[in-house]
Amino acid sequence: MKLIGLLLVLLSGISLIYGGIQYQQRHTVAQIGDLKATTTETKHLEIPPVVGVVGLIAGLGLILMDSRRSSITR
C-alpha cells in the first residue's frame, strides 16, 4: 500500500507541475518511390488540476493508512 501511495503522490505531483502529457506524432505527407516527406506534429494531452489534487490526497491517505496500520500491529 505504501508503494502504491508513493507512486500516486509522485505521478499526481508531476501532473500538477506539467499540467499534462506532451507527445509527438509523425505523419507521411507524400511518398514517391524511396523519397518520403514527413511532418511531426506535437500534441498536448491536458490533465485537469482536480485530477492531480485528488490523486495527491488519495496517495497521502494510502501512506498514512499504511503507517497507522503498521504502528497498530506492533
Protein backbone atom coordinates (compact mmCIF):
# COMPACT_ATOMS: atom_id res chain seq x y z
CA MET A 1 0.00 0.00 0.00
CA LYS A 2 2.82 2.36 0.84
CA LEU A 3 4.45 1.84 -2.56
CA ILE A 4 1.16 2.49 -4.39
CA GLY A 5 0.66 5.62 -2.30
CA LEU A 6 4.15 6.89 -3.09
CA LEU A 7 3.67 6.26 -6.82
CA LEU A 8 0.31 8.01 -6.74
CA VAL A 9 1.78 11.04 -4.96
CA LEU A 10 4.69 11.18 -7.41
CA LEU A 11 2.54 10.90 -10.55
CA SER A 12 -0.02 13.38 -9.21
CA GLY A 13 2.72 15.89 -8.39
CA ILE A 14 4.16 15.58 -11.88
CA SER A 15 0.72 16.08 -13.43
CA LEU A 16 0.19 19.20 -11.32
CA ILE A 17 3.59 20.65 -12.27
CA TYR A 18 3.46 19.94 -16.01
CA GLY A 19 -0.31 20.12 -16.49
CA GLY A 20 -0.43 17.20 -18.88
CA ILE A 21 1.46 14.92 -21.23
CA GLN A 22 3.15 16.10 -24.39
CA TYR A 23 3.83 13.69 -27.25
CA GLN A 24 4.83 13.80 -30.91
CA GLN A 25 3.14 12.11 -33.84
CA ARG A 26 4.75 11.63 -37.26
CA HIS A 27 2.75 11.63 -40.48
CA THR A 28 3.86 10.77 -44.00
CA VAL A 29 2.73 13.64 -46.22
CA ALA A 30 3.95 12.32 -49.58
CA GLN A 31 5.88 9.33 -50.86
CA ILE A 32 7.38 8.97 -54.31
CA GLY A 33 9.43 5.80 -54.63
CA ASP A 34 12.11 5.86 -51.93
CA LEU A 35 11.61 9.57 -51.25
CA LYS A 36 9.35 10.39 -48.27
CA ALA A 37 8.14 13.72 -46.95
CA THR A 38 7.11 13.53 -43.29
CA THR A 39 5.87 16.02 -40.74
CA THR A 40 6.00 15.91 -36.96
CA GLU A 41 3.02 17.17 -35.00
CA THR A 42 3.36 17.91 -31.28
CA LYS A 43 0.23 17.27 -29.25
CA HIS A 44 -0.59 18.03 -25.63
CA LEU A 45 -2.97 15.94 -23.54
CA GLU A 46 -4.11 18.16 -20.68
CA ILE A 47 -4.80 16.68 -17.26
CA PRO A 48 -7.15 18.82 -15.14
CA PRO A 49 -5.64 20.05 -11.86
CA VAL A 50 -8.55 18.49 -9.95
CA VAL A 51 -7.36 15.03 -11.01
CA GLY A 52 -3.86 15.80 -9.70
CA VAL A 53 -5.19 17.07 -6.36
CA VAL A 54 -7.47 14.05 -5.90
CA GLY A 55 -4.59 11.69 -6.72
CA LEU A 56 -2.31 13.53 -4.29
CA ILE A 57 -4.85 13.29 -1.46
CA ALA A 58 -5.54 9.62 -2.21
CA GLY A 59 -1.82 8.81 -2.24
CA LEU A 60 -1.22 10.60 1.05
CA GLY A 61 -4.22 8.79 2.51
CA LEU A 62 -2.77 5.41 1.48
CA ILE A 63 0.60 6.28 3.01
CA LEU A 64 -0.95 7.45 6.29
CA MET A 65 -3.29 4.45 6.44
CA ASP A 66 -0.36 2.08 5.94
CA SER A 67 1.77 3.76 8.61
CA ARG A 68 -1.12 3.70 11.13
CA ARG A 69 -1.84 0.06 10.36
CA SER A 70 1.81 -0.92 10.89
CA SER A 71 2.02 1.02 14.20
CA ILE A 72 -1.16 -0.68 15.50
CA THR A 73 0.11 -4.21 14.78
CA ARG A 74 3.39 -3.65 16.63
